[in-house]
Each structure stands twice: as C-alpha cells, then as structure tokens.
Amino acid sequence: MTEATQTKCACNPCLCNVSLETAVLKDGKGYCSQACADGHPNGQVCGRSGCNCAA
C-alpha cells in the first residue's frame, strides 16, 4: 500500500494539488496557499499559475 504525498487544495473552487509536506494547514485541512486557507480576504488569489480560485 502506498501513502499519498499530495492532495487537492481544500479550497473548493481551487484546482491546485498540494504536497502534504508543504501545505498550509488550517483546521486540519491542507491548502496550497495562505490566501486559500484564509478564505481569500480582499479577493486575493492563490497565486498558482492557471488557477484563479478567488476570481
């Protein structure tokens, strides 16, 4: 059995996968960026290329 090393960002509209080692953790969930973890204050985007999850 192999162990997962990546997961989808917990931000619902976000398309990013995130490494479990580098994820921003909040409330037991992994996010690809602080903007996603914080719920996109002031419309901040996650900053990943090709993803505009706060737009």
N, C-alpha and C. Protein backbone atom coordinates (compact mmCIF):
# COMPACT_ATOMS: atom_id res chain seq x y z
N MET A 1 0.85 -1.18 0.00
CA MET A 1 0.00 0.00 0.00
C MET A 1 0.89 1.24 0.00
N THR A 2 0.61 2.18 -0.91
CA THR A 2 1.40 3.41 -0.97
C THR A 2 0.70 4.53 -0.22
N GLU A 3 1.51 5.42 0.31
CA GLU A 3 0.98 6.55 1.06
C GLU A 3 0.90 7.77 0.15
N ALA A 4 -0.21 8.49 0.20
CA ALA A 4 -0.38 9.68 -0.63
C ALA A 4 0.56 10.78 -0.16
N THR A 5 1.15 11.49 -1.12
CA THR A 5 2.03 12.61 -0.78
C THR A 5 1.43 13.94 -1.23
N GLN A 6 0.37 13.89 -2.02
CA GLN A 6 -0.30 15.10 -2.48
C GLN A 6 -1.79 14.96 -2.31
N THR A 7 -2.45 16.10 -2.18
CA THR A 7 -3.90 16.14 -2.07
C THR A 7 -4.40 17.40 -2.77
N LYS A 8 -5.68 17.44 -3.09
CA LYS A 8 -6.28 18.63 -3.66
C LYS A 8 -6.37 19.69 -2.58
N CYS A 9 -6.12 20.93 -2.93
CA CYS A 9 -6.28 22.05 -2.01
C CYS A 9 -7.70 22.02 -1.45
N ALA A 10 -7.86 22.26 -0.16
CA ALA A 10 -9.17 22.21 0.50
C ALA A 10 -10.08 23.38 0.14
N CYS A 11 -9.57 24.36 -0.57
CA CYS A 11 -10.39 25.47 -1.07
C CYS A 11 -11.24 24.93 -2.22
N ASN A 12 -12.55 24.94 -2.06
CA ASN A 12 -13.44 24.27 -3.01
C ASN A 12 -13.22 24.63 -4.48
N PRO A 13 -13.21 25.89 -4.87
CA PRO A 13 -13.04 26.17 -6.30
C PRO A 13 -11.60 26.05 -6.80
N CYS A 14 -10.65 25.86 -5.90
CA CYS A 14 -9.24 25.79 -6.28
C CYS A 14 -8.97 24.49 -7.04
N LEU A 15 -8.13 24.58 -8.06
CA LEU A 15 -7.80 23.43 -8.89
C LEU A 15 -6.45 22.83 -8.54
N CYS A 16 -5.77 23.38 -7.56
CA CYS A 16 -4.39 23.00 -7.26
C CYS A 16 -4.29 21.74 -6.41
N ASN A 17 -3.23 20.98 -6.68
CA ASN A 17 -2.82 19.90 -5.80
C ASN A 17 -1.68 20.44 -4.95
N VAL A 18 -1.59 19.95 -3.73
CA VAL A 18 -0.59 20.46 -2.82
C VAL A 18 0.12 19.30 -2.14
N SER A 19 1.43 19.46 -1.94
CA SER A 19 2.21 18.46 -1.22
C SER A 19 1.82 18.50 0.24
N LEU A 20 1.62 17.35 0.84
CA LEU A 20 1.28 17.30 2.26
C LEU A 20 2.41 17.86 3.13
N GLU A 21 3.62 17.87 2.61
CA GLU A 21 4.77 18.39 3.36
C GLU A 21 4.81 19.91 3.36
N THR A 22 4.28 20.54 2.31
CA THR A 22 4.39 21.99 2.21
C THR A 22 3.05 22.71 2.32
N ALA A 23 1.97 21.97 2.52
CA ALA A 23 0.63 22.57 2.59
C ALA A 23 0.53 23.54 3.76
N VAL A 24 -0.29 24.57 3.57
CA VAL A 24 -0.66 25.47 4.66
C VAL A 24 -1.81 24.79 5.38
N LEU A 25 -1.61 24.44 6.64
CA LEU A 25 -2.63 23.70 7.38
C LEU A 25 -3.48 24.65 8.20
N LYS A 26 -4.79 24.44 8.12
CA LYS A 26 -5.74 25.24 8.90
C LYS A 26 -6.95 24.37 9.18
N ASP A 27 -7.33 24.26 10.44
CA ASP A 27 -8.47 23.45 10.86
C ASP A 27 -8.38 22.01 10.35
N GLY A 28 -7.17 21.48 10.31
CA GLY A 28 -6.96 20.09 9.91
C GLY A 28 -7.03 19.85 8.41
N LYS A 29 -7.06 20.91 7.62
CA LYS A 29 -7.14 20.78 6.16
C LYS A 29 -5.90 21.39 5.53
N GLY A 30 -5.52 20.88 4.35
CA GLY A 30 -4.35 21.36 3.64
C GLY A 30 -4.72 22.29 2.49
N TYR A 31 -4.05 23.42 2.43
CA TYR A 31 -4.30 24.43 1.39
C TYR A 31 -3.00 24.71 0.64
N CYS A 32 -3.12 25.15 -0.60
CA CYS A 32 -1.93 25.44 -1.41
C CYS A 32 -1.31 26.79 -1.09
N SER A 33 -2.07 27.67 -0.45
CA SER A 33 -1.54 29.00 -0.13
C SER A 33 -2.24 29.56 1.09
N GLN A 34 -1.66 30.60 1.65
CA GLN A 34 -2.26 31.26 2.81
C GLN A 34 -3.57 31.93 2.41
N ALA A 35 -3.64 32.46 1.17
CA ALA A 35 -4.87 33.10 0.70
C ALA A 35 -6.04 32.11 0.71
N CYS A 36 -5.81 30.89 0.23
CA CYS A 36 -6.86 29.87 0.25
C CYS A 36 -7.24 29.52 1.69
N ALA A 37 -6.26 29.33 2.53
CA ALA A 37 -6.51 28.96 3.93
C ALA A 37 -7.30 30.03 4.66
N ASP A 38 -7.08 31.28 4.31
CA ASP A 38 -7.75 32.39 4.98
C ASP A 38 -9.10 32.76 4.35
N GLY A 39 -9.51 32.04 3.31
CA GLY A 39 -10.80 32.30 2.67
C GLY A 39 -10.77 33.46 1.69
N HIS A 40 -9.60 33.77 1.14
CA HIS A 40 -9.42 34.81 0.13
C HIS A 40 -9.86 36.20 0.59
N PRO A 41 -9.25 36.71 1.66
CA PRO A 41 -9.59 38.07 2.10
C PRO A 41 -9.28 39.09 1.01
N ASN A 42 -10.16 40.04 0.85
CA ASN A 42 -9.98 41.10 -0.16
C ASN A 42 -9.81 40.55 -1.57
N GLY A 43 -10.35 39.36 -1.84
CA GLY A 43 -10.29 38.78 -3.18
C GLY A 43 -8.93 38.26 -3.60
N GLN A 44 -8.03 38.02 -2.66
CA GLN A 44 -6.71 37.50 -3.01
C GLN A 44 -6.83 36.16 -3.70
N VAL A 45 -6.02 35.95 -4.74
CA VAL A 45 -5.99 34.66 -5.42
C VAL A 45 -4.86 33.82 -4.83
N CYS A 46 -4.88 32.53 -5.10
CA CYS A 46 -3.87 31.66 -4.51
C CYS A 46 -2.49 31.91 -5.08
N GLY A 47 -2.43 32.43 -6.31
CA GLY A 47 -1.15 32.75 -6.92
C GLY A 47 -0.53 31.64 -7.74
N ARG A 48 -1.18 30.51 -7.79
CA ARG A 48 -0.67 29.40 -8.61
C ARG A 48 -1.00 29.67 -10.07
N SER A 49 -0.09 29.35 -10.93
CA SER A 49 -0.27 29.56 -12.36
C SER A 49 -1.48 28.80 -12.87
N GLY A 50 -2.39 29.49 -13.55
CA GLY A 50 -3.56 28.87 -14.15
C GLY A 50 -4.73 28.71 -13.21
N CYS A 51 -4.58 29.08 -11.95
CA CYS A 51 -5.68 28.94 -11.01
C CYS A 51 -6.13 30.33 -10.57
N ASN A 52 -7.39 30.62 -10.74
CA ASN A 52 -7.94 31.92 -10.30
C ASN A 52 -9.13 31.66 -9.38
N CYS A 53 -8.88 30.88 -8.33
CA CYS A 53 -9.95 30.39 -7.47
C CYS A 53 -10.70 31.48 -6.71
N ALA A 54 -10.17 32.69 -6.60
CA ALA A 54 -10.89 33.75 -5.89
C ALA A 54 -11.53 34.74 -6.87
N ALA A 55 -11.33 34.50 -8.15
CA ALA A 55 -11.85 35.45 -9.15
C ALA A 55 -13.35 35.35 -9.30
